[in-house]
Structures are given as C-alpha cells and as structure tokens.
Amino acid sequence: MDGRKRSNIKPGLRVNIVLKEDQRTGYLTEGYVQDILTNSPNHPHGIKVRLETGEVGRVKEILSELES
C-alpha cells in the first residue's frame, strides 16, 4: 500500500520509515505505528508517523495489514 496516503495508515501497522537523518542515504527503519503526525490526507514524501519506539519519520512502505 501507499505510504503517501493518510487513509492507508493506522496505529499498530508494521511499516518502514525513513528518519530525518537517513533521508540522504535512504536507510529504512522498521517498526509499528504509534501516532500519525501528518494532518493532511496525503503527502508527496510519505505520511509522518511516530513509531512505538519513539522514532519519527515518513512512511516509505507498509509491511503488514492490521490483524482483525
């Protein structure tokens, strides 16, 4: 799914994000979404989220759906 659309992202999803300091290298950090920080419905560089670890970055990949 597309990490640039806010409607695709929910707390608890497993995602890959790029941290601010990793934007030049493109290094991805994996984790679970705690909070969605971007208010707009979409963003060209990815929706900004806070992971459960406290790291903040923009979603590049959505790795798994929420278990229902």
N, C-alpha and C. Protein backbone atom coordinates (compact mmCIF):
# COMPACT_ATOMS: atom_id res chain seq x y z
N MET A 1 0.84 -1.20 0.00
CA MET A 1 0.00 0.00 0.00
C MET A 1 0.88 1.25 0.00
N ASP A 2 0.24 2.34 -0.30
CA ASP A 2 0.93 3.61 -0.49
C ASP A 2 1.11 4.34 0.85
N GLY A 3 2.37 4.62 1.22
CA GLY A 3 2.67 5.35 2.45
C GLY A 3 2.45 6.84 2.34
N ARG A 4 1.99 7.32 1.17
CA ARG A 4 1.75 8.75 0.99
C ARG A 4 0.30 9.13 1.26
N LYS A 5 -0.57 8.14 1.49
CA LYS A 5 -1.98 8.42 1.78
C LYS A 5 -2.28 8.13 3.24
N ARG A 6 -2.76 9.15 3.95
CA ARG A 6 -3.03 9.02 5.39
C ARG A 6 -4.07 7.94 5.67
N SER A 7 -5.04 7.76 4.76
CA SER A 7 -6.10 6.78 4.99
C SER A 7 -5.58 5.34 5.01
N ASN A 8 -4.39 5.10 4.46
CA ASN A 8 -3.80 3.75 4.46
C ASN A 8 -3.09 3.41 5.76
N ILE A 9 -2.87 4.40 6.62
CA ILE A 9 -2.02 4.22 7.80
C ILE A 9 -2.86 4.29 9.07
N LYS A 10 -2.68 3.28 9.91
CA LYS A 10 -3.40 3.20 11.18
C LYS A 10 -2.41 2.82 12.27
N PRO A 11 -2.67 3.24 13.51
CA PRO A 11 -1.81 2.80 14.61
C PRO A 11 -1.78 1.27 14.68
N GLY A 12 -0.60 0.73 14.92
CA GLY A 12 -0.43 -0.72 15.01
C GLY A 12 0.09 -1.36 13.74
N LEU A 13 0.08 -0.63 12.61
CA LEU A 13 0.61 -1.18 11.36
C LEU A 13 2.12 -1.31 11.43
N ARG A 14 2.66 -2.35 10.81
CA ARG A 14 4.11 -2.53 10.69
C ARG A 14 4.55 -1.83 9.41
N VAL A 15 5.49 -0.90 9.54
CA VAL A 15 5.90 -0.07 8.40
C VAL A 15 7.42 0.10 8.37
N ASN A 16 7.93 0.52 7.22
CA ASN A 16 9.30 1.01 7.09
C ASN A 16 9.21 2.52 6.94
N ILE A 17 10.00 3.24 7.75
CA ILE A 17 10.04 4.70 7.65
C ILE A 17 11.47 5.13 7.36
N VAL A 18 11.61 6.35 6.84
CA VAL A 18 12.94 6.96 6.70
C VAL A 18 13.00 8.09 7.73
N LEU A 19 14.00 8.00 8.60
CA LEU A 19 14.22 9.03 9.61
C LEU A 19 14.83 10.27 8.96
N LYS A 20 14.67 11.42 9.59
CA LYS A 20 15.21 12.68 9.05
C LYS A 20 16.70 12.55 8.74
N GLU A 21 17.45 11.96 9.67
CA GLU A 21 18.91 11.86 9.48
C GLU A 21 19.28 10.83 8.42
N ASP A 22 18.34 9.99 8.01
CA ASP A 22 18.62 8.96 7.00
C ASP A 22 18.08 9.32 5.62
N GLN A 23 17.56 10.54 5.45
CA GLN A 23 16.96 10.90 4.16
C GLN A 23 17.97 10.87 3.02
N ARG A 24 19.21 11.25 3.28
CA ARG A 24 20.23 11.25 2.22
C ARG A 24 20.59 9.82 1.79
N THR A 25 20.67 8.91 2.76
CA THR A 25 21.07 7.53 2.45
C THR A 25 19.89 6.67 2.03
N GLY A 26 18.68 7.03 2.48
CA GLY A 26 17.51 6.22 2.18
C GLY A 26 17.37 5.02 3.09
N TYR A 27 18.18 4.95 4.17
CA TYR A 27 18.11 3.83 5.10
C TYR A 27 16.74 3.79 5.76
N LEU A 28 16.12 2.61 5.80
CA LEU A 28 14.78 2.45 6.34
C LEU A 28 14.82 1.84 7.73
N THR A 29 13.91 2.29 8.57
CA THR A 29 13.75 1.79 9.93
C THR A 29 12.39 1.12 10.03
N GLU A 30 12.36 -0.11 10.53
CA GLU A 30 11.10 -0.85 10.63
C GLU A 30 10.53 -0.70 12.03
N GLY A 31 9.20 -0.63 12.10
CA GLY A 31 8.55 -0.55 13.40
C GLY A 31 7.04 -0.50 13.26
N TYR A 32 6.38 -0.31 14.40
CA TYR A 32 4.93 -0.27 14.46
C TYR A 32 4.46 1.16 14.74
N VAL A 33 3.46 1.61 14.00
CA VAL A 33 2.95 2.98 14.12
C VAL A 33 2.27 3.17 15.47
N GLN A 34 2.68 4.23 16.17
CA GLN A 34 2.00 4.62 17.41
C GLN A 34 1.07 5.80 17.14
N ASP A 35 1.61 6.85 16.50
CA ASP A 35 0.83 8.06 16.22
C ASP A 35 1.04 8.49 14.78
N ILE A 36 0.00 9.07 14.18
CA ILE A 36 0.12 9.68 12.85
C ILE A 36 0.27 11.18 13.07
N LEU A 37 1.36 11.75 12.55
CA LEU A 37 1.67 13.16 12.83
C LEU A 37 1.27 14.10 11.70
N THR A 38 1.09 13.59 10.48
CA THR A 38 0.69 14.42 9.35
C THR A 38 -0.83 14.57 9.37
N ASN A 39 -1.31 15.82 9.28
CA ASN A 39 -2.75 16.06 9.29
C ASN A 39 -3.39 16.02 7.91
N SER A 40 -2.63 16.34 6.87
CA SER A 40 -3.20 16.37 5.53
C SER A 40 -3.49 14.95 5.04
N PRO A 41 -4.44 14.79 4.11
CA PRO A 41 -4.82 13.45 3.63
C PRO A 41 -3.73 12.72 2.86
N ASN A 42 -2.77 13.48 2.29
CA ASN A 42 -1.64 12.84 1.62
C ASN A 42 -0.43 13.77 1.65
N HIS A 43 0.74 13.18 1.40
CA HIS A 43 1.98 13.95 1.40
C HIS A 43 2.93 13.30 0.40
N PRO A 44 3.56 14.09 -0.48
CA PRO A 44 4.39 13.51 -1.54
C PRO A 44 5.59 12.70 -1.05
N HIS A 45 6.09 12.98 0.16
CA HIS A 45 7.26 12.27 0.68
C HIS A 45 6.91 11.20 1.68
N GLY A 46 5.62 11.00 1.94
CA GLY A 46 5.19 10.00 2.91
C GLY A 46 4.58 10.65 4.14
N ILE A 47 3.64 9.96 4.74
CA ILE A 47 2.98 10.44 5.95
C ILE A 47 3.94 10.32 7.12
N LYS A 48 4.06 11.38 7.91
CA LYS A 48 4.96 11.37 9.07
C LYS A 48 4.27 10.65 10.23
N VAL A 49 4.98 9.71 10.83
CA VAL A 49 4.45 8.93 11.95
C VAL A 49 5.48 8.84 13.06
N ARG A 50 4.99 8.50 14.26
CA ARG A 50 5.85 8.15 15.39
C ARG A 50 5.69 6.66 15.61
N LEU A 51 6.83 5.96 15.67
CA LEU A 51 6.79 4.53 15.95
C LEU A 51 6.66 4.29 17.45
N GLU A 52 6.34 3.04 17.83
CA GLU A 52 6.23 2.70 19.25
C GLU A 52 7.55 2.90 19.98
N THR A 53 8.66 2.91 19.24
CA THR A 53 9.99 3.15 19.84
C THR A 53 10.26 4.63 20.07
N GLY A 54 9.38 5.51 19.57
CA GLY A 54 9.55 6.94 19.72
C GLY A 54 10.21 7.60 18.52
N GLU A 55 10.70 6.80 17.56
CA GLU A 55 11.34 7.35 16.37
C GLU A 55 10.29 7.98 15.46
N VAL A 56 10.64 9.09 14.81
CA VAL A 56 9.73 9.82 13.94
C VAL A 56 10.30 9.85 12.53
N GLY A 57 9.46 9.52 11.55
CA GLY A 57 9.90 9.57 10.16
C GLY A 57 8.71 9.45 9.23
N ARG A 58 9.02 9.40 7.93
CA ARG A 58 7.98 9.32 6.91
C ARG A 58 7.86 7.90 6.38
N VAL A 59 6.61 7.44 6.23
CA VAL A 59 6.34 6.07 5.80
C VAL A 59 6.75 5.89 4.34
N LYS A 60 7.60 4.91 4.08
CA LYS A 60 8.01 4.55 2.73
C LYS A 60 7.36 3.24 2.28
N GLU A 61 7.11 2.33 3.22
CA GLU A 61 6.49 1.05 2.88
C GLU A 61 5.58 0.62 4.02
N ILE A 62 4.45 0.04 3.64
CA ILE A 62 3.56 -0.59 4.62
C ILE A 62 3.80 -2.08 4.50
N LEU A 63 4.25 -2.71 5.59
CA LEU A 63 4.70 -4.09 5.55
C LEU A 63 3.58 -5.09 5.84
N SER A 64 2.63 -4.73 6.70
CA SER A 64 1.56 -5.68 7.02
C SER A 64 0.28 -4.94 7.39
N GLU A 65 -0.82 -5.62 7.12
CA GLU A 65 -2.13 -5.08 7.49
C GLU A 65 -2.35 -5.30 8.98
N LEU A 66 -3.30 -4.57 9.54
CA LEU A 66 -3.70 -4.81 10.93
C LEU A 66 -4.37 -6.17 11.02
N GLU A 67 -4.08 -6.90 12.08
CA GLU A 67 -4.77 -8.17 12.32
C GLU A 67 -6.14 -7.86 12.89
N SER A 68 -7.17 -8.51 12.33
CA SER A 68 -8.51 -8.21 12.84
C SER A 68 -9.05 -9.31 13.69
